[in-house]
Amino acid sequence: MVNEIQPTGSSYPADRVSGARPNKAGSQPVAPKDNGEDQVEISELALWRSKIDSLPETRAEKVAAVRQEIAAGTYETEQKWDAALDSLIEELNNGFV
């Protein structure tokens, strides 16, 4: 038994296939420069993804612990230690201690 091909339901006849259209007057096709080297263009999105992929992984537990310390006011940073040591040294040099 042979199945019949059903029509698509379109009421428009198919268009004819035509040949290539000529270029506008005065325009010339641009041939790529062939200097014997390959070229690659990377999109801005690809550059961002590459940067993100090169970042170290973030551990959720560590982030949560740091957030808790910040909220409690107990998070110590190198900048805080430097400021405290600078203040202590200044006090020692000025004879306050």
PDB file of N, CA and C in Angstrom:
ATOM      1  N   MET A   1       0.846  -1.168   0.000  1.00  0.00           N
ATOM      2  CA  MET A   1       0.000   0.000   0.000  1.00  0.00           C
ATOM      3  C   MET A   1       0.892   1.231   0.000  1.00  0.00           C
ATOM      4  N   VAL A   2       0.598   2.181  -0.850  1.00  0.00           N
ATOM      5  CA  VAL A   2       1.383   3.406  -0.978  1.00  0.00           C
ATOM      6  C   VAL A   2       0.601   4.541  -0.341  1.00  0.00           C
ATOM      7  N   ASN A   3       1.267   5.275   0.557  1.00  0.00           N
ATOM      8  CA  ASN A   3       0.629   6.437   1.180  1.00  0.00           C
ATOM      9  C   ASN A   3       0.722   7.628   0.249  1.00  0.00           C
ATOM     10  N   GLU A   4      -0.351   8.382   0.191  1.00  0.00           N
ATOM     11  CA  GLU A   4      -0.341   9.583  -0.632  1.00  0.00           C
ATOM     12  C   GLU A   4       0.260  10.739   0.156  1.00  0.00           C
ATOM     13  N   ILE A   5       0.930  11.629  -0.540  1.00  0.00           N
ATOM     14  CA  ILE A   5       1.480  12.823   0.101  1.00  0.00           C
ATOM     15  C   ILE A   5       0.357  13.839   0.204  1.00  0.00           C
ATOM     16  N   GLN A   6       0.131  14.296   1.407  1.00  0.00           N
ATOM     17  CA  GLN A   6      -0.943  15.249   1.653  1.00  0.00           C
ATOM     18  C   GLN A   6      -0.469  16.671   1.345  1.00  0.00           C
ATOM     19  N   PRO A   7      -1.340  17.519   0.811  1.00  0.00           N
ATOM     20  CA  PRO A   7      -0.955  18.914   0.546  1.00  0.00           C
ATOM     21  C   PRO A   7      -0.727  19.657   1.863  1.00  0.00           C
ATOM     22  N   THR A   8       0.045  20.720   1.791  1.00  0.00           N
ATOM     23  CA  THR A   8       0.375  21.487   2.991  1.00  0.00           C
ATOM     24  C   THR A   8      -0.732  22.444   3.379  1.00  0.00           C
ATOM     25  N   GLY A   9      -1.668  22.666   2.500  1.00  0.00           N
ATOM     26  CA  GLY A   9      -2.767  23.565   2.811  1.00  0.00           C
ATOM     27  C   GLY A   9      -2.495  24.988   2.364  1.00  0.00           C
ATOM     28  N   SER A  10      -1.365  25.236   1.743  1.00  0.00           N
ATOM     29  CA  SER A  10      -1.033  26.578   1.290  1.00  0.00           C
ATOM     30  C   SER A  10      -1.805  26.872   0.016  1.00  0.00           C
ATOM     31  N   SER A  11      -2.352  28.075  -0.072  1.00  0.00           N
ATOM     32  CA  SER A  11      -3.097  28.443  -1.273  1.00  0.00           C
ATOM     33  C   SER A  11      -2.225  29.216  -2.250  1.00  0.00           C
ATOM     34  N   TYR A  12      -0.951  29.381  -1.919  1.00  0.00           N
ATOM     35  CA  TYR A  12      -0.044  30.108  -2.797  1.00  0.00           C
ATOM     36  C   TYR A  12       0.790  29.116  -3.592  1.00  0.00           C
ATOM     37  N   PRO A  13       0.966  29.380  -4.895  1.00  0.00           N
ATOM     38  CA  PRO A  13       1.800  28.477  -5.685  1.00  0.00           C
ATOM     39  C   PRO A  13       3.273  28.666  -5.324  1.00  0.00           C
ATOM     40  N   ALA A  14       4.054  27.650  -5.563  1.00  0.00           N
ATOM     41  CA  ALA A  14       5.487  27.731  -5.283  1.00  0.00           C
ATOM     42  C   ALA A  14       6.145  28.700  -6.249  1.00  0.00           C
ATOM     43  N   ASP A  15       7.148  29.447  -5.755  1.00  0.00           N
ATOM     44  CA  ASP A  15       7.891  30.379  -6.607  1.00  0.00           C
ATOM     45  C   ASP A  15       8.923  29.618  -7.420  1.00  0.00           C
ATOM     46  N   ARG A  16       9.278  30.193  -8.547  1.00  0.00           N
ATOM     47  CA  ARG A  16      10.318  29.609  -9.378  1.00  0.00           C
ATOM     48  C   ARG A  16      11.680  29.919  -8.776  1.00  0.00           C
ATOM     49  N   VAL A  17      12.595  29.043  -8.996  1.00  0.00           N
ATOM     50  CA  VAL A  17      13.968  29.270  -8.568  1.00  0.00           C
ATOM     51  C   VAL A  17      14.635  30.098  -9.641  1.00  0.00           C
ATOM     52  N   SER A  18      15.231  31.222  -9.216  1.00  0.00           N
ATOM     53  CA  SER A  18      15.870  32.093 -10.202  1.00  0.00           C
ATOM     54  C   SER A  18      17.379  32.050 -10.024  1.00  0.00           C
ATOM     55  N   GLY A  19      18.063  32.569 -11.001  1.00  0.00           N
ATOM     56  CA  GLY A  19      19.523  32.596 -10.963  1.00  0.00           C
ATOM     57  C   GLY A  19      20.030  33.682 -10.030  1.00  0.00           C
ATOM     58  N   ALA A  20      21.334  33.805  -9.959  1.00  0.00           N
ATOM     59  CA  ALA A  20      21.958  34.816  -9.112  1.00  0.00           C
ATOM     60  C   ALA A  20      21.633  36.198  -9.646  1.00  0.00           C
ATOM     61  N   ARG A  21      21.445  37.126  -8.741  1.00  0.00           N
ATOM     62  CA  ARG A  21      21.151  38.505  -9.138  1.00  0.00           C
ATOM     63  C   ARG A  21      22.464  39.267  -9.283  1.00  0.00           C
ATOM     64  N   PRO A  22      22.552  40.126 -10.276  1.00  0.00           N
ATOM     65  CA  PRO A  22      23.791  40.892 -10.451  1.00  0.00           C
ATOM     66  C   PRO A  22      23.945  41.923  -9.333  1.00  0.00           C
ATOM     67  N   ASN A  23      25.222  42.282  -9.043  1.00  0.00           N
ATOM     68  CA  ASN A  23      25.501  43.309  -8.044  1.00  0.00           C
ATOM     69  C   ASN A  23      25.013  44.654  -8.531  1.00  0.00           C
ATOM     70  N   LYS A  24      24.827  45.572  -7.598  1.00  0.00           N
ATOM     71  CA  LYS A  24      24.465  46.936  -7.975  1.00  0.00           C
ATOM     72  C   LYS A  24      25.612  47.525  -8.777  1.00  0.00           C
ATOM     73  N   ALA A  25      25.297  48.501  -9.599  1.00  0.00           N
ATOM     74  CA  ALA A  25      26.318  49.112 -10.446  1.00  0.00           C
ATOM     75  C   ALA A  25      27.432  49.700  -9.590  1.00  0.00           C
ATOM     76  N   GLY A  26      28.668  49.406  -9.951  1.00  0.00           N
ATOM     77  CA  GLY A  26      29.816  49.979  -9.263  1.00  0.00           C
ATOM     78  C   GLY A  26      30.280  49.199  -8.053  1.00  0.00           C
ATOM     79  N   SER A  27      29.509  48.254  -7.578  1.00  0.00           N
ATOM     80  CA  SER A  27      29.954  47.514  -6.395  1.00  0.00           C
ATOM     81  C   SER A  27      30.741  46.292  -6.838  1.00  0.00           C
ATOM     82  N   GLN A  28      31.792  46.044  -6.139  1.00  0.00           N
ATOM     83  CA  GLN A  28      32.648  44.910  -6.446  1.00  0.00           C
ATOM     84  C   GLN A  28      32.651  43.965  -5.255  1.00  0.00           C
ATOM     85  N   PRO A  29      32.659  42.687  -5.489  1.00  0.00           N
ATOM     86  CA  PRO A  29      32.758  41.763  -4.363  1.00  0.00           C
ATOM     87  C   PRO A  29      34.111  41.935  -3.672  1.00  0.00           C
ATOM     88  N   VAL A  30      34.081  41.818  -2.373  1.00  0.00           N
ATOM     89  CA  VAL A  30      35.306  41.974  -1.593  1.00  0.00           C
ATOM     90  C   VAL A  30      35.846  40.593  -1.273  1.00  0.00           C
ATOM     91  N   ALA A  31      37.037  40.341  -1.729  1.00  0.00           N
ATOM     92  CA  ALA A  31      37.675  39.054  -1.464  1.00  0.00           C
ATOM     93  C   ALA A  31      38.436  39.152  -0.148  1.00  0.00           C
ATOM     94  N   PRO A  32      38.396  38.119   0.656  1.00  0.00           N
ATOM     95  CA  PRO A  32      39.161  38.164   1.907  1.00  0.00           C
ATOM     96  C   PRO A  32      40.657  38.226   1.615  1.00  0.00           C
ATOM     97  N   LYS A  33      41.363  38.933   2.481  1.00  0.00           N
ATOM     98  CA  LYS A  33      42.812  39.023   2.325  1.00  0.00           C
ATOM     99  C   LYS A  33      43.418  37.672   2.671  1.00  0.00           C
ATOM    100  N   ASP A  34      44.277  37.208   1.808  1.00  0.00           N
ATOM    101  CA  ASP A  34      44.928  35.926   2.057  1.00  0.00           C
ATOM    102  C   ASP A  34      46.405  36.180   2.299  1.00  0.00           C
ATOM    103  N   ASN A  35      46.760  36.276   3.565  1.00  0.00           N
ATOM    104  CA  ASN A  35      48.165  36.478   3.893  1.00  0.00           C
ATOM    105  C   ASN A  35      48.790  35.194   4.425  1.00  0.00           C
ATOM    106  N   GLY A  36      48.104  34.090   4.252  1.00  0.00           N
ATOM    107  CA  GLY A  36      48.635  32.808   4.676  1.00  0.00           C
ATOM    108  C   GLY A  36      48.450  32.501   6.150  1.00  0.00           C
ATOM    109  N   GLU A  37      47.739  33.363   6.873  1.00  0.00           N
ATOM    110  CA  GLU A  37      47.520  33.148   8.302  1.00  0.00           C
ATOM    111  C   GLU A  37      46.028  33.016   8.582  1.00  0.00           C
ATOM    112  N   ASP A  38      45.707  32.173   9.533  1.00  0.00           N
ATOM    113  CA  ASP A  38      44.324  32.046   9.968  1.00  0.00           C
ATOM    114  C   ASP A  38      44.010  33.165  10.945  1.00  0.00           C
ATOM    115  N   GLN A  39      42.758  33.579  10.972  1.00  0.00           N
ATOM    116  CA  GLN A  39      42.324  34.602  11.916  1.00  0.00           C
ATOM    117  C   GLN A  39      41.107  34.099  12.654  1.00  0.00           C
ATOM    118  N   VAL A  40      41.023  34.476  13.928  1.00  0.00           N
ATOM    119  CA  VAL A  40      39.894  34.085  14.755  1.00  0.00           C
ATOM    120  C   VAL A  40      39.359  35.325  15.436  1.00  0.00           C
ATOM    121  N   GLU A  41      38.058  35.492  15.423  1.00  0.00           N
ATOM    122  CA  GLU A  41      37.426  36.584  16.152  1.00  0.00           C
ATOM    123  C   GLU A  41      36.620  35.972  17.283  1.00  0.00           C
ATOM    124  N   ILE A  42      36.858  36.472  18.494  1.00  0.00           N
ATOM    125  CA  ILE A  42      36.173  35.950  19.670  1.00  0.00           C
ATOM    126  C   ILE A  42      35.159  36.985  20.129  1.00  0.00           C
ATOM    127  N   SER A  43      33.940  36.552  20.350  1.00  0.00           N
ATOM    128  CA  SER A  43      32.888  37.475  20.759  1.00  0.00           C
ATOM    129  C   SER A  43      33.126  37.958  22.179  1.00  0.00           C
ATOM    130  N   GLU A  44      32.484  39.073  22.513  1.00  0.00           N
ATOM    131  CA  GLU A  44      32.603  39.629  23.859  1.00  0.00           C
ATOM    132  C   GLU A  44      32.064  38.644  24.896  1.00  0.00           C
ATOM    133  N   LEU A  45      30.990  37.953  24.559  1.00  0.00           N
ATOM    134  CA  LEU A  45      30.428  36.953  25.471  1.00  0.00           C
ATOM    135  C   LEU A  45      31.436  35.837  25.729  1.00  0.00           C
ATOM    136  N   ALA A  46      32.109  35.395  24.691  1.00  0.00           N
ATOM    137  CA  ALA A  46      33.107  34.338  24.860  1.00  0.00           C
ATOM    138  C   ALA A  46      34.262  34.811  25.735  1.00  0.00           C
ATOM    139  N   LEU A  47      34.649  36.079  25.609  1.00  0.00           N
ATOM    140  CA  LEU A  47      35.714  36.616  26.460  1.00  0.00           C
ATOM    141  C   LEU A  47      35.291  36.608  27.920  1.00  0.00           C
ATOM    142  N   TRP A  48      34.048  37.028  28.190  1.00  0.00           N
ATOM    143  CA  TRP A  48      33.547  37.026  29.570  1.00  0.00           C
ATOM    144  C   TRP A  48      33.480  35.607  30.123  1.00  0.00           C
ATOM    145  N   ARG A  49      33.006  34.671  29.317  1.00  0.00           N
ATOM    146  CA  ARG A  49      32.920  33.279  29.784  1.00  0.00           C
ATOM    147  C   ARG A  49      34.304  32.726  30.096  1.00  0.00           C
ATOM    148  N   SER A  50      35.289  33.091  29.283  1.00  0.00           N
ATOM    149  CA  SER A  50      36.654  32.648  29.528  1.00  0.00           C
ATOM    150  C   SER A  50      37.172  33.201  30.852  1.00  0.00           C
ATOM    151  N   LYS A  51      36.875  34.478  31.125  1.00  0.00           N
ATOM    152  CA  LYS A  51      37.300  35.082  32.393  1.00  0.00           C
ATOM    153  C   LYS A  51      36.618  34.398  33.573  1.00  0.00           C
ATOM    154  N   ILE A  52      35.335  34.130  33.438  1.00  0.00           N
ATOM    155  CA  ILE A  52      34.589  33.476  34.517  1.00  0.00           C
ATOM    156  C   ILE A  52      35.130  32.074  34.759  1.00  0.00           C
ATOM    157  N   ASP A  53      35.416  31.356  33.672  1.00  0.00           N
ATOM    158  CA  ASP A  53      35.934  29.993  33.807  1.00  0.00           C
ATOM    159  C   ASP A  53      37.306  29.958  34.474  1.00  0.00           C
ATOM    160  N   SER A  54      38.075  31.056  34.352  1.00  0.00           N
ATOM    161  CA  SER A  54      39.409  31.071  34.949  1.00  0.00           C
ATOM    162  C   SER A  54      39.395  31.479  36.418  1.00  0.00           C
ATOM    163  N   LEU A  55      38.243  31.934  36.932  1.00  0.00           N
ATOM    164  CA  LEU A  55      38.143  32.298  38.346  1.00  0.00           C
ATOM    165  C   LEU A  55      38.143  31.039  39.207  1.00  0.00           C
ATOM    166  N   PRO A  56      38.685  31.156  40.427  1.00  0.00           N
ATOM    167  CA  PRO A  56      38.638  29.987  41.311  1.00  0.00           C
ATOM    168  C   PRO A  56      37.206  29.688  41.734  1.00  0.00           C
ATOM    169  N   GLU A  57      36.966  28.426  42.063  1.00  0.00           N
ATOM    170  CA  GLU A  57      35.619  28.039  42.485  1.00  0.00           C
ATOM    171  C   GLU A  57      35.284  28.688  43.823  1.00  0.00           C
ATOM    172  N   THR A  58      34.027  29.042  44.005  1.00  0.00           N
ATOM    173  CA  THR A  58      33.557  29.618  45.256  1.00  0.00           C
ATOM    174  C   THR A  58      32.904  28.513  46.064  1.00  0.00           C
ATOM    175  N   ARG A  59      33.356  28.368  47.297  1.00  0.00           N
ATOM    176  CA  ARG A  59      32.757  27.357  48.158  1.00  0.00           C
ATOM    177  C   ARG A  59      31.641  28.006  48.955  1.00  0.00           C
ATOM    178  N   ALA A  60      30.445  27.481  48.818  1.00  0.00           N
ATOM    179  CA  ALA A  60      29.263  28.052  49.466  1.00  0.00           C
ATOM    180  C   ALA A  60      29.427  28.096  50.982  1.00  0.00           C
ATOM    181  N   GLU A  61      30.068  27.072  51.558  1.00  0.00           N
ATOM    182  CA  GLU A  61      30.236  27.046  53.015  1.00  0.00           C
ATOM    183  C   GLU A  61      31.116  28.201  53.476  1.00  0.00           C
ATOM    184  N   LYS A  62      32.186  28.468  52.732  1.00  0.00           N
ATOM    185  CA  LYS A  62      33.105  29.545  53.109  1.00  0.00           C
ATOM    186  C   LYS A  62      32.412  30.899  52.985  1.00  0.00           C
ATOM    187  N   VAL A  63      31.647  31.088  51.922  1.00  0.00           N
ATOM    188  CA  VAL A  63      30.916  32.343  51.735  1.00  0.00           C
ATOM    189  C   VAL A  63      29.930  32.547  52.878  1.00  0.00           C
ATOM    190  N   ALA A  64      29.209  31.500  53.258  1.00  0.00           N
ATOM    191  CA  ALA A  64      28.238  31.601  54.355  1.00  0.00           C
ATOM    192  C   ALA A  64      28.940  31.943  55.668  1.00  0.00           C
ATOM    193  N   ALA A  65      30.096  31.334  55.926  1.00  0.00           N
ATOM    194  CA  ALA A  65      30.836  31.609  57.166  1.00  0.00           C
ATOM    195  C   ALA A  65      31.321  33.053  57.205  1.00  0.00           C
ATOM    196  N   VAL A  66      31.824  33.550  56.095  1.00  0.00           N
ATOM    197  CA  VAL A  66      32.296  34.937  56.042  1.00  0.00           C
ATOM    198  C   VAL A  66      31.129  35.896  56.233  1.00  0.00           C
ATOM    199  N   ARG A  67      29.994  35.598  55.640  1.00  0.00           N
ATOM    200  CA  ARG A  67      28.812  36.457  55.825  1.00  0.00           C
ATOM    201  C   ARG A  67      28.398  36.508  57.294  1.00  0.00           C
ATOM    202  N   GLN A  68      28.452  35.364  57.974  1.00  0.00           N
ATOM    203  CA  GLN A  68      28.104  35.335  59.400  1.00  0.00           C
ATOM    204  C   GLN A  68      29.082  36.174  60.208  1.00  0.00           C
ATOM    205  N   GLU A  69      30.374  36.054  59.909  1.00  0.00           N
ATOM    206  CA  GLU A  69      31.377  36.831  60.630  1.00  0.00           C
ATOM    207  C   GLU A  69      31.190  38.327  60.390  1.00  0.00           C
ATOM    208  N   ILE A  70      30.881  38.708  59.158  1.00  0.00           N
ATOM    209  CA  ILE A  70      30.644  40.123  58.854  1.00  0.00           C
ATOM    210  C   ILE A  70      29.441  40.621  59.634  1.00  0.00           C
ATOM    211  N   ALA A  71      28.355  39.840  59.639  1.00  0.00           N
ATOM    212  CA  ALA A  71      27.139  40.236  60.363  1.00  0.00           C
ATOM    213  C   ALA A  71      27.407  40.356  61.860  1.00  0.00           C
ATOM    214  N   ALA A  72      28.263  39.490  62.412  1.00  0.00           N
ATOM    215  CA  ALA A  72      28.569  39.510  63.847  1.00  0.00           C
ATOM    216  C   ALA A  72      29.639  40.548  64.183  1.00  0.00           C
ATOM    217  N   GLY A  73      30.282  41.119  63.162  1.00  0.00           N
ATOM    218  CA  GLY A  73      31.337  42.100  63.405  1.00  0.00           C
ATOM    219  C   GLY A  73      32.654  41.474  63.813  1.00  0.00           C
ATOM    220  N   THR A  74      32.826  40.194  63.553  1.00  0.00           N
ATOM    221  CA  THR A  74      34.050  39.495  63.950  1.00  0.00           C
ATOM    222  C   THR A  74      34.943  39.138  62.764  1.00  0.00           C
ATOM    223  N   TYR A  75      34.578  39.575  61.581  1.00  0.00           N
ATOM    224  CA  TYR A  75      35.372  39.239  60.392  1.00  0.00           C
ATOM    225  C   TYR A  75      36.633  40.088  60.374  1.00  0.00           C
ATOM    226  N   GLU A  76      37.765  39.440  60.356  1.00  0.00           N
ATOM    227  CA  GLU A  76      39.053  40.131  60.354  1.00  0.00           C
ATOM    228  C   GLU A  76      39.648  40.076  58.950  1.00  0.00           C
ATOM    229  N   THR A  77      40.086  41.224  58.477  1.00  0.00           N
ATOM    230  CA  THR A  77      40.734  41.288  57.174  1.00  0.00           C
ATOM    231  C   THR A  77      42.171  41.756  57.357  1.00  0.00           C
ATOM    232  N   GLU A  78      42.971  41.559  56.349  1.00  0.00           N
ATOM    233  CA  GLU A  78      44.362  42.008  56.398  1.00  0.00           C
ATOM    234  C   GLU A  78      44.421  43.525  56.556  1.00  0.00           C
ATOM    235  N   GLN A  79      43.481  44.231  55.925  1.00  0.00           N
ATOM    236  CA  GLN A  79      43.457  45.684  56.043  1.00  0.00           C
ATOM    237  C   GLN A  79      43.165  46.109  57.479  1.00  0.00           C
ATOM    238  N   LYS A  80      42.260  45.395  58.155  1.00  0.00           N
ATOM    239  CA  LYS A  80      41.961  45.718  59.555  1.00  0.00           C
ATOM    240  C   LYS A  80      43.189  45.487  60.427  1.00  0.00           C
ATOM    241  N   TRP A  81      43.896  44.373  60.205  1.00  0.00           N
ATOM    242  CA  TRP A  81      45.107  44.092  60.976  1.00  0.00           C
ATOM    243  C   TRP A  81      46.171  45.153  60.705  1.00  0.00           C
ATOM    244  N   ASP A  82      46.342  45.536  59.448  1.00  0.00           N
ATOM    245  CA  ASP A  82      47.328  46.568  59.109  1.00  0.00           C
ATOM    246  C   ASP A  82      47.002  47.887  59.793  1.00  0.00           C
ATOM    247  N   ALA A  83      45.731  48.275  59.779  1.00  0.00           N
ATOM    248  CA  ALA A  83      45.325  49.528  60.422  1.00  0.00           C
ATOM    249  C   ALA A  83      45.563  49.464  61.927  1.00  0.00           C
ATOM    250  N   ALA A  84      45.246  48.329  62.557  1.00  0.00           N
ATOM    251  CA  ALA A  84      45.447  48.183  64.001  1.00  0.00           C
ATOM    252  C   ALA A  84      46.933  48.231  64.343  1.00  0.00           C
ATOM    253  N   LEU A  85      47.764  47.553  63.553  1.00  0.00           N
ATOM    254  CA  LEU A  85      49.206  47.566  63.810  1.00  0.00           C
ATOM    255  C   LEU A  85      49.798  48.951  63.583  1.00  0.00           C
ATOM    256  N   ASP A  86      49.355  49.642  62.532  1.00  0.00           N
ATOM    257  CA  ASP A  86      49.827  51.008  62.285  1.00  0.00           C
ATOM    258  C   ASP A  86      49.475  51.921  63.449  1.00  0.00           C
ATOM    259  N   SER A  87      48.260  51.775  63.951  1.00  0.00           N
ATOM    260  CA  SER A  87      47.820  52.578  65.094  1.00  0.00           C
ATOM    261  C   SER A  87      48.657  52.264  66.332  1.00  0.00           C
ATOM    262  N   LEU A  88      48.933  50.990  66.584  1.00  0.00           N
ATOM    263  CA  LEU A  88      49.739  50.586  67.736  1.00  0.00           C
ATOM    264  C   LEU A  88      51.163  51.128  67.623  1.00  0.00           C
ATOM    265  N   ILE A  89      51.751  51.016  66.436  1.00  0.00           N
ATOM    266  CA  ILE A  89      53.115  51.520  66.218  1.00  0.00           C
ATOM    267  C   ILE A  89      53.160  53.027  66.421  1.00  0.00           C
ATOM    268  N   GLU A  90      52.140  53.721  65.919  1.00  0.00           N
ATOM    269  CA  GLU A  90      52.086  55.177  66.090  1.00  0.00           C
ATOM    270  C   GLU A  90      52.002  55.543  67.571  1.00  0.00           C
ATOM    271  N   GLU A  91      51.182  54.822  68.315  1.00  0.00           N
ATOM    272  CA  GLU A  91      51.063  55.083  69.753  1.00  0.00           C
ATOM    273  C   GLU A  91      52.381  54.798  70.465  1.00  0.00           C
ATOM    274  N   LEU A  92      53.066  53.722  70.089  1.00  0.00           N
ATOM    275  CA  LEU A  92      54.357  53.401  70.706  1.00  0.00           C
ATOM    276  C   LEU A  92      55.395  54.478  70.400  1.00  0.00           C
ATOM    277  N   ASN A  93      55.403  54.957  69.183  1.00  0.00           N
ATOM    278  CA  ASN A  93      56.357  55.994  68.794  1.00  0.00           C
ATOM    279  C   ASN A  93      56.070  57.325  69.479  1.00  0.00           C
ATOM    280  N   ASN A  94      54.824  57.589  69.803  1.00  0.00           N
ATOM    281  CA  ASN A  94      54.448  58.846  70.451  1.00  0.00           C
ATOM    282  C   ASN A  94      54.458  58.728  71.968  1.00  0.00           C
ATOM    283  N   GLY A  95      54.804  57.582  72.510  1.00  0.00           N
ATOM    284  CA  GLY A  95      54.915  57.395  73.942  1.00  0.00           C
ATOM    285  C   GLY A  95      53.601  57.261  74.670  1.00  0.00           C
ATOM    286  N   PHE A  96      52.529  56.869  73.994  1.00  0.00           N
ATOM    287  CA  PHE A  96      51.229  56.721  74.652  1.00  0.00           C
ATOM    288  C   PHE A  96      51.116  55.395  75.389  1.00  0.00           C
ATOM    289  N   VAL A  97      51.936  54.453  75.066  1.00  0.00           N
ATOM    290  CA  VAL A  97      51.822  53.145  75.712  1.00  0.00           C
ATOM    291  C   VAL A  97      52.970  52.949  76.656  1.00  0.00           C
TER     292      VAL A  97
END
